[in-house]
Amino acid sequence: MKNLKKFILILFFISIVLISPRPNLACAALDLSPKTYLDVLATGIQPAYPPDMEVPHYAHDTTVLDYSDAFFYALQDLLEWKYGLILNPKEIESWLGWEKGQYQWSDEQAKSFASVYYMDIIDTSKPTAEYVFNKLAMGELLILNIPFLWDTNGDGIEENVGHDVVVYSFDQNGFWIADNVCPGEQRHLGYQDVFWGSASSLKRVTEFRAVKGGGTLKKQTGL
């Protein structure tokens, strides 16, 4: 009799295992895919700062200054807003060894700046939409690289060289940016004009964070 009871109990537990719903592994895999900007907005996320917040945006005439200076224009705006630090972009370019036509600083140039100004530089390639929105929701302004067509050789053929601006807020239709190419303005930029062929990632964002000493460059991808 005892053996019969054991046998019945074993059969009972086996039946429970067999009829229990199995996890849908295909659906679980889909849940791991990066969220698009529409997915992120659907969560109800809100920016820390309103679109009408004042952000420095100096006008720089690109007929006088090389367009590749745009990164330092954005850096000037960001650090003045965040730390009250007044920079002269041309002076910084000079001691860093920035060259005409250079659109992104080298690792050594970034490390030199970080060391002199006591700042960690967090350079993120291909950041996810979720990463960027979360940063803005926490009140972190970023330098954002956006698509921009430019005739670099004067041959009438435009190529997408990218352009650096400060992104400080967002709404359901796009980002709010401070752009200091002449005439210099704060403006709205639709999401379709920002995301590079993907609704879930951007090309690059850069964050600056003051430290007590020994600032450095931190590079990351796809967060």
N, C-alpha and C. Protein backbone atom coordinates (compact mmCIF):
# COMPACT_ATOMS: atom_id res chain seq x y z
N MET A 1 0.82 -1.21 0.00
CA MET A 1 0.00 0.00 0.00
C MET A 1 0.86 1.27 0.00
N LYS A 2 1.92 1.24 0.81
CA LYS A 2 2.82 2.40 0.85
C LYS A 2 3.44 2.65 -0.51
N ASN A 3 3.86 1.58 -1.17
CA ASN A 3 4.47 1.73 -2.50
C ASN A 3 3.47 2.29 -3.50
N LEU A 4 2.21 1.91 -3.37
CA LEU A 4 1.18 2.41 -4.28
C LEU A 4 0.97 3.91 -4.08
N LYS A 5 0.96 4.32 -2.79
CA LYS A 5 0.80 5.76 -2.51
C LYS A 5 1.97 6.56 -3.08
N LYS A 6 3.18 6.02 -2.91
CA LYS A 6 4.35 6.71 -3.46
C LYS A 6 4.23 6.83 -4.98
N PHE A 7 3.79 5.74 -5.62
CA PHE A 7 3.67 5.74 -7.08
C PHE A 7 2.64 6.77 -7.54
N ILE A 8 1.53 6.87 -6.79
CA ILE A 8 0.48 7.84 -7.14
C ILE A 8 1.00 9.27 -6.98
N LEU A 9 1.76 9.52 -5.89
CA LEU A 9 2.32 10.86 -5.66
C LEU A 9 3.30 11.25 -6.76
N ILE A 10 4.13 10.26 -7.18
CA ILE A 10 5.09 10.54 -8.25
C ILE A 10 4.37 10.90 -9.53
N LEU A 11 3.32 10.12 -9.86
CA LEU A 11 2.55 10.41 -11.06
C LEU A 11 1.90 11.80 -10.99
N PHE A 12 1.44 12.17 -9.79
CA PHE A 12 0.80 13.47 -9.59
C PHE A 12 1.77 14.62 -9.88
N PHE A 13 2.97 14.51 -9.31
CA PHE A 13 3.97 15.57 -9.53
C PHE A 13 4.44 15.63 -10.98
N ILE A 14 4.57 14.47 -11.62
CA ILE A 14 4.96 14.45 -13.03
C ILE A 14 3.90 15.14 -13.89
N SER A 15 2.62 14.88 -13.57
CA SER A 15 1.53 15.51 -14.34
C SER A 15 1.54 17.02 -14.19
N ILE A 16 1.85 17.50 -12.96
CA ILE A 16 1.92 18.95 -12.72
C ILE A 16 3.02 19.58 -13.58
N VAL A 17 4.19 18.92 -13.62
CA VAL A 17 5.31 19.44 -14.41
C VAL A 17 4.96 19.49 -15.88
N LEU A 18 4.28 18.44 -16.36
CA LEU A 18 3.98 18.35 -17.79
C LEU A 18 2.94 19.37 -18.24
N ILE A 19 1.96 19.64 -17.38
CA ILE A 19 0.89 20.56 -17.80
C ILE A 19 1.16 22.01 -17.42
N SER A 20 2.20 22.27 -16.63
CA SER A 20 2.52 23.65 -16.25
C SER A 20 2.92 24.44 -17.48
N PRO A 21 2.49 25.70 -17.58
CA PRO A 21 2.85 26.53 -18.74
C PRO A 21 4.34 26.77 -18.81
N ARG A 22 4.88 26.61 -19.99
CA ARG A 22 6.31 26.85 -20.21
C ARG A 22 6.55 28.31 -20.57
N PRO A 23 7.66 28.89 -20.14
CA PRO A 23 7.97 30.28 -20.54
C PRO A 23 8.19 30.37 -22.03
N ASN A 24 7.68 31.43 -22.62
CA ASN A 24 7.86 31.66 -24.05
C ASN A 24 9.23 32.29 -24.27
N LEU A 25 10.20 31.47 -24.63
CA LEU A 25 11.57 31.95 -24.76
C LEU A 25 11.71 32.98 -25.87
N ALA A 26 10.89 32.83 -26.91
CA ALA A 26 10.96 33.79 -28.02
C ALA A 26 10.55 35.17 -27.55
N CYS A 27 9.48 35.22 -26.73
CA CYS A 27 9.02 36.51 -26.21
C CYS A 27 10.05 37.10 -25.25
N ALA A 28 10.65 36.21 -24.43
CA ALA A 28 11.65 36.70 -23.49
C ALA A 28 12.82 37.33 -24.22
N ALA A 29 13.22 36.75 -25.35
CA ALA A 29 14.32 37.31 -26.13
C ALA A 29 13.95 38.66 -26.69
N LEU A 30 12.70 38.82 -27.12
CA LEU A 30 12.25 40.10 -27.67
C LEU A 30 12.30 41.19 -26.61
N ASP A 31 12.03 40.82 -25.36
CA ASP A 31 12.03 41.82 -24.29
C ASP A 31 13.42 42.41 -24.05
N LEU A 32 14.46 41.74 -24.53
CA LEU A 32 15.82 42.21 -24.33
C LEU A 32 16.26 43.20 -25.40
N SER A 33 15.47 43.36 -26.44
CA SER A 33 15.86 44.27 -27.51
C SER A 33 15.79 45.72 -27.03
N PRO A 34 16.65 46.60 -27.55
CA PRO A 34 16.65 48.00 -27.10
C PRO A 34 15.31 48.68 -27.37
N LYS A 35 14.91 49.54 -26.46
CA LYS A 35 13.66 50.27 -26.64
C LYS A 35 13.85 51.40 -27.65
N THR A 36 12.85 51.63 -28.48
CA THR A 36 12.88 52.77 -29.37
C THR A 36 12.52 54.02 -28.57
N TYR A 37 12.70 55.20 -29.18
CA TYR A 37 12.35 56.42 -28.45
C TYR A 37 10.84 56.46 -28.17
N LEU A 38 10.04 55.85 -29.05
CA LEU A 38 8.60 55.80 -28.81
C LEU A 38 8.28 54.92 -27.60
N ASP A 39 9.00 53.81 -27.47
CA ASP A 39 8.82 52.94 -26.30
C ASP A 39 9.14 53.69 -25.01
N VAL A 40 10.23 54.44 -25.04
CA VAL A 40 10.66 55.17 -23.84
C VAL A 40 9.65 56.26 -23.49
N LEU A 41 9.20 56.99 -24.49
CA LEU A 41 8.22 58.06 -24.25
C LEU A 41 6.92 57.49 -23.70
N ALA A 42 6.57 56.28 -24.14
CA ALA A 42 5.32 55.65 -23.70
C ALA A 42 5.33 55.32 -22.21
N THR A 43 6.51 55.30 -21.59
CA THR A 43 6.59 55.02 -20.15
C THR A 43 6.17 56.23 -19.32
N GLY A 44 6.01 57.39 -19.98
CA GLY A 44 5.64 58.60 -19.26
C GLY A 44 6.82 59.38 -18.71
N ILE A 45 8.01 59.04 -19.14
CA ILE A 45 9.21 59.73 -18.66
C ILE A 45 9.13 61.23 -18.94
N GLN A 46 9.65 62.03 -18.02
CA GLN A 46 9.59 63.48 -18.14
C GLN A 46 10.98 64.09 -17.97
N PRO A 47 11.28 65.18 -18.68
CA PRO A 47 12.59 65.83 -18.54
C PRO A 47 12.69 66.58 -17.22
N ALA A 48 13.91 66.72 -16.73
CA ALA A 48 14.11 67.47 -15.49
C ALA A 48 13.92 68.96 -15.70
N TYR A 49 14.22 69.43 -16.92
CA TYR A 49 14.15 70.86 -17.20
C TYR A 49 13.17 71.14 -18.33
N PRO A 50 12.48 72.29 -18.27
CA PRO A 50 11.50 72.64 -19.30
C PRO A 50 12.17 73.14 -20.57
N PRO A 51 11.47 73.08 -21.69
CA PRO A 51 12.04 73.54 -22.97
C PRO A 51 12.45 75.01 -22.97
N ASP A 52 11.79 75.84 -22.14
CA ASP A 52 12.09 77.27 -22.16
C ASP A 52 13.19 77.66 -21.17
N MET A 53 13.89 76.66 -20.61
CA MET A 53 15.02 76.97 -19.73
C MET A 53 16.12 77.66 -20.54
N GLU A 54 16.76 78.66 -19.95
CA GLU A 54 17.82 79.38 -20.64
C GLU A 54 19.13 78.59 -20.58
N VAL A 55 19.71 78.36 -21.74
CA VAL A 55 21.00 77.68 -21.86
C VAL A 55 21.90 78.55 -22.74
N PRO A 56 23.16 78.78 -22.36
CA PRO A 56 24.05 79.60 -23.20
C PRO A 56 24.12 79.04 -24.63
N HIS A 57 24.10 79.95 -25.60
CA HIS A 57 24.23 79.52 -27.00
C HIS A 57 24.82 80.68 -27.80
N TYR A 58 26.13 80.83 -27.69
CA TYR A 58 26.82 81.92 -28.36
C TYR A 58 26.78 81.75 -29.87
N ALA A 59 26.67 82.85 -30.56
CA ALA A 59 26.68 82.81 -32.02
C ALA A 59 28.12 82.79 -32.53
N HIS A 60 28.42 81.84 -33.38
CA HIS A 60 29.75 81.75 -33.99
C HIS A 60 29.59 81.74 -35.51
N ASP A 61 30.25 82.65 -36.16
CA ASP A 61 30.17 82.78 -37.61
C ASP A 61 31.08 81.74 -38.26
N THR A 62 30.50 80.78 -38.97
CA THR A 62 31.30 79.72 -39.57
C THR A 62 32.07 80.19 -40.80
N THR A 63 31.85 81.43 -41.24
CA THR A 63 32.68 81.95 -42.33
C THR A 63 34.05 82.38 -41.79
N VAL A 64 34.13 82.58 -40.48
CA VAL A 64 35.38 82.99 -39.84
C VAL A 64 36.04 81.80 -39.14
N LEU A 65 35.25 81.04 -38.40
CA LEU A 65 35.76 79.89 -37.67
C LEU A 65 35.41 78.62 -38.41
N ASP A 66 36.28 77.64 -38.34
CA ASP A 66 36.04 76.37 -39.02
C ASP A 66 34.87 75.63 -38.39
N TYR A 67 34.06 74.99 -39.23
CA TYR A 67 32.87 74.32 -38.72
C TYR A 67 33.22 73.20 -37.75
N SER A 68 34.40 72.63 -37.88
CA SER A 68 34.78 71.53 -36.98
C SER A 68 34.99 71.99 -35.55
N ASP A 69 34.91 73.31 -35.31
CA ASP A 69 34.99 73.83 -33.95
C ASP A 69 33.70 73.58 -33.16
N ALA A 70 32.67 73.06 -33.80
CA ALA A 70 31.34 72.96 -33.18
C ALA A 70 31.36 72.21 -31.86
N PHE A 71 32.20 71.20 -31.74
CA PHE A 71 32.26 70.45 -30.48
C PHE A 71 32.65 71.37 -29.33
N PHE A 72 33.63 72.26 -29.57
CA PHE A 72 34.08 73.15 -28.51
C PHE A 72 33.09 74.28 -28.26
N TYR A 73 32.31 74.65 -29.28
CA TYR A 73 31.24 75.61 -29.04
C TYR A 73 30.24 75.00 -28.05
N ALA A 74 29.87 73.75 -28.32
CA ALA A 74 28.91 73.07 -27.44
C ALA A 74 29.50 72.88 -26.04
N LEU A 75 30.78 72.55 -25.98
CA LEU A 75 31.46 72.38 -24.69
C LEU A 75 31.44 73.69 -23.90
N GLN A 76 31.69 74.80 -24.59
CA GLN A 76 31.66 76.12 -23.96
C GLN A 76 30.29 76.38 -23.33
N ASP A 77 29.23 76.10 -24.08
CA ASP A 77 27.87 76.33 -23.59
C ASP A 77 27.56 75.44 -22.38
N LEU A 78 27.91 74.15 -22.50
CA LEU A 78 27.58 73.19 -21.46
C LEU A 78 28.26 73.51 -20.13
N LEU A 79 29.56 73.79 -20.18
CA LEU A 79 30.30 74.02 -18.94
C LEU A 79 29.97 75.37 -18.30
N GLU A 80 29.60 76.36 -19.11
CA GLU A 80 29.15 77.62 -18.52
C GLU A 80 27.84 77.40 -17.77
N TRP A 81 26.92 76.64 -18.38
CA TRP A 81 25.63 76.39 -17.72
C TRP A 81 25.81 75.55 -16.46
N LYS A 82 26.63 74.51 -16.55
CA LYS A 82 26.74 73.54 -15.46
C LYS A 82 27.62 74.01 -14.32
N TYR A 83 28.74 74.66 -14.64
CA TYR A 83 29.70 75.01 -13.59
C TYR A 83 30.06 76.51 -13.55
N GLY A 84 29.47 77.31 -14.43
CA GLY A 84 29.84 78.72 -14.48
C GLY A 84 31.25 78.92 -15.01
N LEU A 85 31.76 77.94 -15.72
CA LEU A 85 33.12 77.98 -16.25
C LEU A 85 33.12 78.65 -17.62
N ILE A 86 33.90 79.71 -17.77
CA ILE A 86 33.96 80.44 -19.03
C ILE A 86 35.20 79.99 -19.81
N LEU A 87 34.99 79.39 -20.96
CA LEU A 87 36.09 78.88 -21.77
C LEU A 87 36.26 79.71 -23.04
N ASN A 88 37.49 79.75 -23.52
CA ASN A 88 37.77 80.31 -24.84
C ASN A 88 38.09 79.13 -25.76
N PRO A 89 37.15 78.73 -26.60
CA PRO A 89 37.35 77.53 -27.42
C PRO A 89 38.62 77.55 -28.25
N LYS A 90 38.96 78.70 -28.80
CA LYS A 90 40.15 78.75 -29.67
C LYS A 90 41.43 78.56 -28.87
N GLU A 91 41.47 79.08 -27.65
CA GLU A 91 42.65 78.89 -26.81
C GLU A 91 42.81 77.41 -26.43
N ILE A 92 41.71 76.78 -26.10
CA ILE A 92 41.75 75.36 -25.73
C ILE A 92 42.20 74.52 -26.92
N GLU A 93 41.66 74.82 -28.08
CA GLU A 93 42.05 74.09 -29.29
C GLU A 93 43.55 74.23 -29.55
N SER A 94 44.07 75.41 -29.25
CA SER A 94 45.48 75.67 -29.52
C SER A 94 46.39 74.78 -28.68
N TRP A 95 46.16 74.75 -27.35
CA TRP A 95 47.07 73.94 -26.52
C TRP A 95 46.78 72.45 -26.59
N LEU A 96 45.59 72.10 -27.07
CA LEU A 96 45.30 70.67 -27.27
C LEU A 96 45.87 70.14 -28.59
N GLY A 97 46.17 71.06 -29.51
CA GLY A 97 46.65 70.63 -30.81
C GLY A 97 45.53 70.23 -31.74
N TRP A 98 44.35 70.84 -31.55
CA TRP A 98 43.19 70.58 -32.40
C TRP A 98 43.48 71.09 -33.82
N GLU A 99 43.19 70.28 -34.81
CA GLU A 99 43.51 70.64 -36.19
C GLU A 99 42.25 70.97 -36.98
N LYS A 100 42.40 71.84 -37.95
CA LYS A 100 41.28 72.20 -38.82
C LYS A 100 40.74 70.94 -39.48
N GLY A 101 39.41 70.78 -39.44
CA GLY A 101 38.80 69.61 -40.03
C GLY A 101 38.68 68.43 -39.08
N GLN A 102 39.16 68.61 -37.83
CA GLN A 102 39.07 67.53 -36.84
C GLN A 102 37.73 67.65 -36.13
N TYR A 103 36.88 66.63 -36.27
CA TYR A 103 35.52 66.72 -35.74
C TYR A 103 35.36 66.07 -34.37
N GLN A 104 36.32 65.31 -33.94
CA GLN A 104 36.24 64.68 -32.62
C GLN A 104 37.64 64.60 -32.05
N TRP A 105 37.79 64.90 -30.76
CA TRP A 105 39.12 64.89 -30.21
C TRP A 105 39.64 63.47 -30.02
N SER A 106 40.95 63.35 -30.06
CA SER A 106 41.58 62.05 -29.84
C SER A 106 41.50 61.70 -28.35
N ASP A 107 41.77 60.45 -28.03
CA ASP A 107 41.75 60.04 -26.63
C ASP A 107 42.75 60.84 -25.80
N GLU A 108 43.93 61.09 -26.37
CA GLU A 108 44.96 61.83 -25.63
C GLU A 108 44.55 63.28 -25.40
N GLN A 109 43.91 63.90 -26.40
CA GLN A 109 43.43 65.27 -26.24
C GLN A 109 42.36 65.35 -25.16
N ALA A 110 41.45 64.37 -25.17
CA ALA A 110 40.38 64.34 -24.16
C ALA A 110 40.97 64.15 -22.76
N LYS A 111 41.94 63.27 -22.64
CA LYS A 111 42.56 63.02 -21.34
C LYS A 111 43.30 64.26 -20.84
N SER A 112 43.93 65.00 -21.76
CA SER A 112 44.64 66.23 -21.37
C SER A 112 43.65 67.25 -20.82
N PHE A 113 42.53 67.43 -21.51
CA PHE A 113 41.51 68.37 -21.05
C PHE A 113 40.97 67.93 -19.69
N ALA A 114 40.68 66.66 -19.55
CA ALA A 114 40.13 66.13 -18.31
C ALA A 114 41.08 66.36 -17.13
N SER A 115 42.37 66.19 -17.38
CA SER A 115 43.37 66.35 -16.34
C SER A 115 43.51 67.81 -15.92
N VAL A 116 43.53 68.71 -16.89
CA VAL A 116 43.70 70.14 -16.60
C VAL A 116 42.48 70.73 -15.90
N TYR A 117 41.29 70.32 -16.33
CA TYR A 117 40.06 70.91 -15.80
C TYR A 117 39.39 70.06 -14.71
N TYR A 118 40.06 68.99 -14.28
CA TYR A 118 39.53 68.13 -13.21
C TYR A 118 38.10 67.66 -13.53
N MET A 119 37.99 67.01 -14.66
CA MET A 119 36.68 66.51 -15.09
C MET A 119 36.80 65.12 -15.67
N ASP A 120 35.83 64.28 -15.34
CA ASP A 120 35.70 63.02 -16.04
C ASP A 120 34.87 63.28 -17.29
N ILE A 121 35.32 62.74 -18.40
CA ILE A 121 34.59 62.85 -19.66
C ILE A 121 34.03 61.47 -19.98
N ILE A 122 32.71 61.37 -20.04
CA ILE A 122 32.07 60.09 -20.35
C ILE A 122 31.60 60.16 -21.79
N ASP A 123 32.33 59.48 -22.65
CA ASP A 123 32.05 59.49 -24.09
C ASP A 123 31.34 58.19 -24.45
N THR A 124 30.10 58.30 -24.90
CA THR A 124 29.29 57.12 -25.19
C THR A 124 28.96 57.04 -26.67
N SER A 125 29.48 56.02 -27.33
CA SER A 125 29.15 55.77 -28.73
C SER A 125 27.91 54.89 -28.82
N LYS A 126 27.06 55.20 -29.77
CA LYS A 126 25.81 54.45 -30.01
C LYS A 126 24.99 54.27 -28.74
N PRO A 127 24.74 55.36 -28.02
CA PRO A 127 23.92 55.24 -26.80
C PRO A 127 22.49 54.88 -27.16
N THR A 128 21.85 54.10 -26.32
CA THR A 128 20.46 53.76 -26.56
C THR A 128 19.57 54.97 -26.27
N ALA A 129 18.38 54.95 -26.86
CA ALA A 129 17.41 56.01 -26.59
C ALA A 129 17.10 56.07 -25.10
N GLU A 130 16.97 54.91 -24.48
CA GLU A 130 16.65 54.84 -23.06
C GLU A 130 17.73 55.51 -22.21
N TYR A 131 18.99 55.30 -22.56
CA TYR A 131 20.11 55.89 -21.82
C TYR A 131 20.03 57.42 -21.88
N VAL A 132 19.80 57.97 -23.08
CA VAL A 132 19.78 59.42 -23.26
C VAL A 132 18.59 60.05 -22.53
N PHE A 133 17.41 59.45 -22.68
CA PHE A 133 16.23 59.99 -22.00
C PHE A 133 16.39 59.94 -20.48
N ASN A 134 16.96 58.86 -19.98
CA ASN A 134 17.16 58.75 -18.53
C ASN A 134 18.12 59.82 -18.02
N LYS A 135 19.17 60.12 -18.80
CA LYS A 135 20.10 61.17 -18.41
C LYS A 135 19.39 62.52 -18.33
N LEU A 136 18.58 62.83 -19.33
CA LEU A 136 17.86 64.10 -19.35
C LEU A 136 16.81 64.16 -18.24
N ALA A 137 16.22 63.03 -17.92
CA ALA A 137 15.24 62.98 -16.83
C ALA A 137 15.91 63.22 -15.48
N MET A 138 17.21 62.89 -15.38
CA MET A 138 17.96 63.11 -14.14
C MET A 138 18.59 64.50 -14.09
N GLY A 139 18.39 65.30 -15.15
CA GLY A 139 18.92 66.65 -15.15
C GLY A 139 20.33 66.78 -15.67
N GLU A 140 20.79 65.78 -16.44
CA GLU A 140 22.15 65.81 -16.98
C GLU A 140 22.12 66.30 -18.42
N LEU A 141 22.67 67.48 -18.66
CA LEU A 141 22.79 67.98 -20.03
C LEU A 141 23.93 67.26 -20.73
N LEU A 142 23.79 67.04 -22.04
CA LEU A 142 24.75 66.27 -22.81
C LEU A 142 25.13 67.00 -24.08
N ILE A 143 26.33 66.71 -24.57
CA ILE A 143 26.67 67.13 -25.93
C ILE A 143 26.21 66.00 -26.84
N LEU A 144 25.35 66.33 -27.77
CA LEU A 144 24.73 65.35 -28.66
C LEU A 144 25.21 65.56 -30.09
N ASN A 145 25.67 64.48 -30.72
CA ASN A 145 26.08 64.55 -32.12
C ASN A 145 24.87 64.22 -32.99
N ILE A 146 24.50 65.17 -33.87
CA ILE A 146 23.33 65.01 -34.72
C ILE A 146 23.75 65.02 -36.19
N PRO A 147 22.92 64.50 -37.09
CA PRO A 147 23.24 64.53 -38.51
C PRO A 147 23.33 65.97 -39.03
N PHE A 148 24.27 66.22 -39.92
CA PHE A 148 24.40 67.55 -40.53
C PHE A 148 25.12 67.43 -41.86
N LEU A 149 24.50 67.96 -42.91
CA LEU A 149 25.10 67.92 -44.25
C LEU A 149 25.98 69.13 -44.45
N TRP A 150 27.20 68.91 -44.99
CA TRP A 150 28.16 70.00 -45.14
C TRP A 150 29.05 69.74 -46.36
N ASP A 151 29.27 70.79 -47.15
CA ASP A 151 30.16 70.69 -48.30
C ASP A 151 31.59 70.93 -47.80
N THR A 152 32.26 69.87 -47.41
CA THR A 152 33.57 70.00 -46.77
C THR A 152 34.68 70.37 -47.74
N ASN A 153 34.54 70.02 -49.01
CA ASN A 153 35.61 70.24 -49.99
C ASN A 153 35.35 71.37 -50.96
N GLY A 154 34.19 72.00 -50.81
CA GLY A 154 33.84 73.08 -51.72
C GLY A 154 33.54 72.62 -53.13
N ASP A 155 33.20 71.33 -53.28
CA ASP A 155 32.93 70.79 -54.61
C ASP A 155 31.43 70.66 -54.89
N GLY A 156 30.62 71.21 -53.99
CA GLY A 156 29.18 71.17 -54.19
C GLY A 156 28.54 69.88 -53.74
N ILE A 157 29.33 68.95 -53.24
CA ILE A 157 28.80 67.67 -52.76
C ILE A 157 28.74 67.67 -51.24
N GLU A 158 27.55 67.56 -50.69
CA GLU A 158 27.39 67.57 -49.24
C GLU A 158 27.51 66.16 -48.67
N GLU A 159 28.15 66.07 -47.54
CA GLU A 159 28.25 64.79 -46.83
C GLU A 159 27.84 64.99 -45.39
N ASN A 160 27.41 63.91 -44.78
CA ASN A 160 26.95 63.98 -43.40
C ASN A 160 28.15 63.96 -42.46
N VAL A 161 28.54 65.14 -41.99
CA VAL A 161 29.71 65.24 -41.12
C VAL A 161 29.32 65.23 -39.64
N GLY A 162 28.03 65.37 -39.36
CA GLY A 162 27.60 65.44 -37.97
C GLY A 162 27.81 66.83 -37.39
N HIS A 163 27.12 67.12 -36.33
CA HIS A 163 27.20 68.43 -35.69
C HIS A 163 26.94 68.25 -34.20
N ASP A 164 27.66 68.97 -33.37
CA ASP A 164 27.53 68.83 -31.92
C ASP A 164 26.74 69.99 -31.32
N VAL A 165 25.75 69.64 -30.52
CA VAL A 165 24.90 70.61 -29.85
C VAL A 165 24.70 70.17 -28.40
N VAL A 166 24.16 71.06 -27.58
CA VAL A 166 23.81 70.70 -26.21
C VAL A 166 22.33 70.32 -26.18
N VAL A 167 22.02 69.12 -25.70
CA VAL A 167 20.63 68.71 -25.55
C VAL A 167 20.26 68.82 -24.07
N TYR A 168 19.13 69.49 -23.79
CA TYR A 168 18.81 69.78 -22.39
C TYR A 168 17.39 69.37 -21.99
N SER A 169 16.52 69.11 -22.97
CA SER A 169 15.15 68.74 -22.63
C SER A 169 14.53 67.97 -23.80
N PHE A 170 13.28 67.54 -23.61
CA PHE A 170 12.58 66.81 -24.68
C PHE A 170 11.08 66.89 -24.45
N ASP A 171 10.34 66.57 -25.49
CA ASP A 171 8.89 66.42 -25.37
C ASP A 171 8.47 65.23 -26.23
N GLN A 172 7.19 65.10 -26.53
CA GLN A 172 6.72 63.95 -27.28
C GLN A 172 7.18 63.94 -28.74
N ASN A 173 7.63 65.08 -29.23
CA ASN A 173 7.97 65.19 -30.65
C ASN A 173 9.45 65.36 -30.96
N GLY A 174 10.25 65.66 -29.95
CA GLY A 174 11.67 65.84 -30.25
C GLY A 174 12.47 66.36 -29.06
N PHE A 175 13.76 66.58 -29.32
CA PHE A 175 14.66 67.12 -28.31
C PHE A 175 14.68 68.65 -28.38
N TRP A 176 15.02 69.27 -27.25
CA TRP A 176 15.29 70.70 -27.22
C TRP A 176 16.79 70.88 -27.07
N ILE A 177 17.37 71.69 -27.95
CA ILE A 177 18.82 71.83 -28.01
C ILE A 177 19.25 73.29 -27.98
N ALA A 178 20.49 73.50 -27.57
CA ALA A 178 21.15 74.81 -27.69
C ALA A 178 22.20 74.66 -28.78
N ASP A 179 22.07 75.45 -29.83
CA ASP A 179 22.95 75.34 -31.00
C ASP A 179 23.60 76.70 -31.21
N ASN A 180 24.92 76.76 -31.24
CA ASN A 180 25.57 78.07 -31.33
C ASN A 180 26.21 78.37 -32.67
N VAL A 181 25.82 77.65 -33.72
CA VAL A 181 26.22 78.09 -35.06
C VAL A 181 25.39 79.32 -35.39
N CYS A 182 26.02 80.32 -36.00
CA CYS A 182 25.37 81.60 -36.28
C CYS A 182 23.97 81.40 -36.85
N PRO A 183 22.91 82.00 -36.27
CA PRO A 183 22.97 83.08 -35.31
C PRO A 183 22.99 82.63 -33.85
N GLY A 184 22.95 81.35 -33.57
CA GLY A 184 22.91 80.86 -32.20
C GLY A 184 21.48 80.86 -31.69
N GLU A 185 20.99 79.70 -31.28
CA GLU A 185 19.59 79.63 -30.87
C GLU A 185 19.32 78.38 -30.05
N GLN A 186 18.24 78.46 -29.27
CA GLN A 186 17.68 77.28 -28.66
C GLN A 186 16.51 76.88 -29.54
N ARG A 187 16.45 75.60 -29.89
CA ARG A 187 15.41 75.20 -30.84
C ARG A 187 14.99 73.75 -30.62
N HIS A 188 13.88 73.43 -31.27
CA HIS A 188 13.32 72.09 -31.19
C HIS A 188 13.81 71.28 -32.39
N LEU A 189 14.16 70.02 -32.14
CA LEU A 189 14.67 69.15 -33.20
C LEU A 189 13.89 67.84 -33.15
N GLY A 190 13.13 67.56 -34.22
CA GLY A 190 12.30 66.37 -34.26
C GLY A 190 13.12 65.09 -34.17
N TYR A 191 12.56 64.07 -33.56
CA TYR A 191 13.29 62.82 -33.38
C TYR A 191 13.72 62.21 -34.71
N GLN A 192 12.92 62.40 -35.74
CA GLN A 192 13.28 61.83 -37.05
C GLN A 192 14.53 62.49 -37.62
N ASP A 193 14.89 63.66 -37.10
CA ASP A 193 16.09 64.36 -37.57
C ASP A 193 17.31 64.09 -36.68
N VAL A 194 17.14 63.25 -35.67
CA VAL A 194 18.21 63.01 -34.72
C VAL A 194 18.74 61.59 -34.78
N PHE A 195 17.84 60.62 -34.80
CA PHE A 195 18.27 59.22 -34.75
C PHE A 195 18.86 58.79 -36.08
N TRP A 196 20.04 58.18 -36.03
CA TRP A 196 20.82 57.83 -37.22
C TRP A 196 20.41 56.46 -37.76
N GLY A 197 19.30 56.40 -38.49
CA GLY A 197 18.91 55.14 -39.12
C GLY A 197 18.38 54.11 -38.15
N SER A 198 18.21 54.48 -36.90
CA SER A 198 17.70 53.56 -35.89
C SER A 198 16.88 54.34 -34.89
N ALA A 199 15.70 53.83 -34.56
CA ALA A 199 14.84 54.51 -33.59
C ALA A 199 15.24 54.20 -32.16
N SER A 200 16.25 53.36 -31.99
CA SER A 200 16.62 52.95 -30.63
C SER A 200 18.01 53.40 -30.20
N SER A 201 18.78 54.05 -31.09
CA SER A 201 20.12 54.50 -30.69
C SER A 201 20.52 55.75 -31.44
N LEU A 202 21.48 56.47 -30.86
CA LEU A 202 22.04 57.68 -31.45
C LEU A 202 23.50 57.43 -31.80
N LYS A 203 24.16 58.43 -32.38
CA LYS A 203 25.55 58.23 -32.76
C LYS A 203 26.50 58.39 -31.58
N ARG A 204 26.38 59.50 -30.85
CA ARG A 204 27.31 59.74 -29.74
C ARG A 204 26.77 60.82 -28.81
N VAL A 205 26.99 60.65 -27.53
CA VAL A 205 26.74 61.71 -26.55
C VAL A 205 27.97 61.80 -25.65
N THR A 206 28.22 63.00 -25.12
CA THR A 206 29.36 63.21 -24.24
C THR A 206 28.89 63.94 -22.98
N GLU A 207 29.32 63.44 -21.85
CA GLU A 207 28.95 64.01 -20.56
C GLU A 207 30.21 64.46 -19.83
N PHE A 208 30.12 65.56 -19.10
CA PHE A 208 31.24 66.09 -18.33
C PHE A 208 30.86 66.16 -16.86
N ARG A 209 31.74 65.62 -16.01
CA ARG A 209 31.45 65.55 -14.58
C ARG A 209 32.67 66.00 -13.78
N ALA A 210 32.52 67.07 -13.00
CA ALA A 210 33.63 67.59 -12.21
C ALA A 210 34.05 66.60 -11.14
N VAL A 211 35.36 66.48 -10.94
CA VAL A 211 35.91 65.62 -9.88
C VAL A 211 36.94 66.44 -9.10
N LYS A 212 37.36 65.93 -7.97
CA LYS A 212 38.28 66.67 -7.11
C LYS A 212 39.71 66.68 -7.67
N GLY A 213 40.01 65.78 -8.53
CA GLY A 213 41.34 65.73 -9.13
C GLY A 213 41.50 64.48 -9.96
N GLY A 214 42.41 64.54 -10.93
CA GLY A 214 42.70 63.35 -11.71
C GLY A 214 41.61 62.95 -12.67
N GLY A 215 40.94 63.92 -13.28
CA GLY A 215 39.91 63.61 -14.25
C GLY A 215 40.47 62.78 -15.41
N THR A 216 39.60 62.00 -16.04
CA THR A 216 40.06 61.15 -17.14
C THR A 216 38.93 60.92 -18.13
N LEU A 217 39.26 60.24 -19.22
CA LEU A 217 38.30 59.89 -20.26
C LEU A 217 37.75 58.50 -19.99
N LYS A 218 36.44 58.37 -20.04
CA LYS A 218 35.80 57.07 -19.90
C LYS A 218 34.95 56.81 -21.15
N LYS A 219 35.31 55.77 -21.87
CA LYS A 219 34.62 55.46 -23.13
C LYS A 219 33.73 54.25 -22.93
N GLN A 220 32.53 54.32 -23.51
CA GLN A 220 31.60 53.21 -23.43
C GLN A 220 30.76 53.16 -24.70
N THR A 221 30.15 52.03 -24.94
CA THR A 221 29.40 51.84 -26.18
C THR A 221 28.08 51.12 -25.90
N GLY A 222 27.02 51.62 -26.55
CA GLY A 222 25.75 50.91 -26.57
C GLY A 222 24.97 50.84 -25.28
N LEU A 223 25.20 51.76 -24.34
CA LEU A 223 24.45 51.73 -23.08
C LEU A 223 23.09 52.42 -23.24
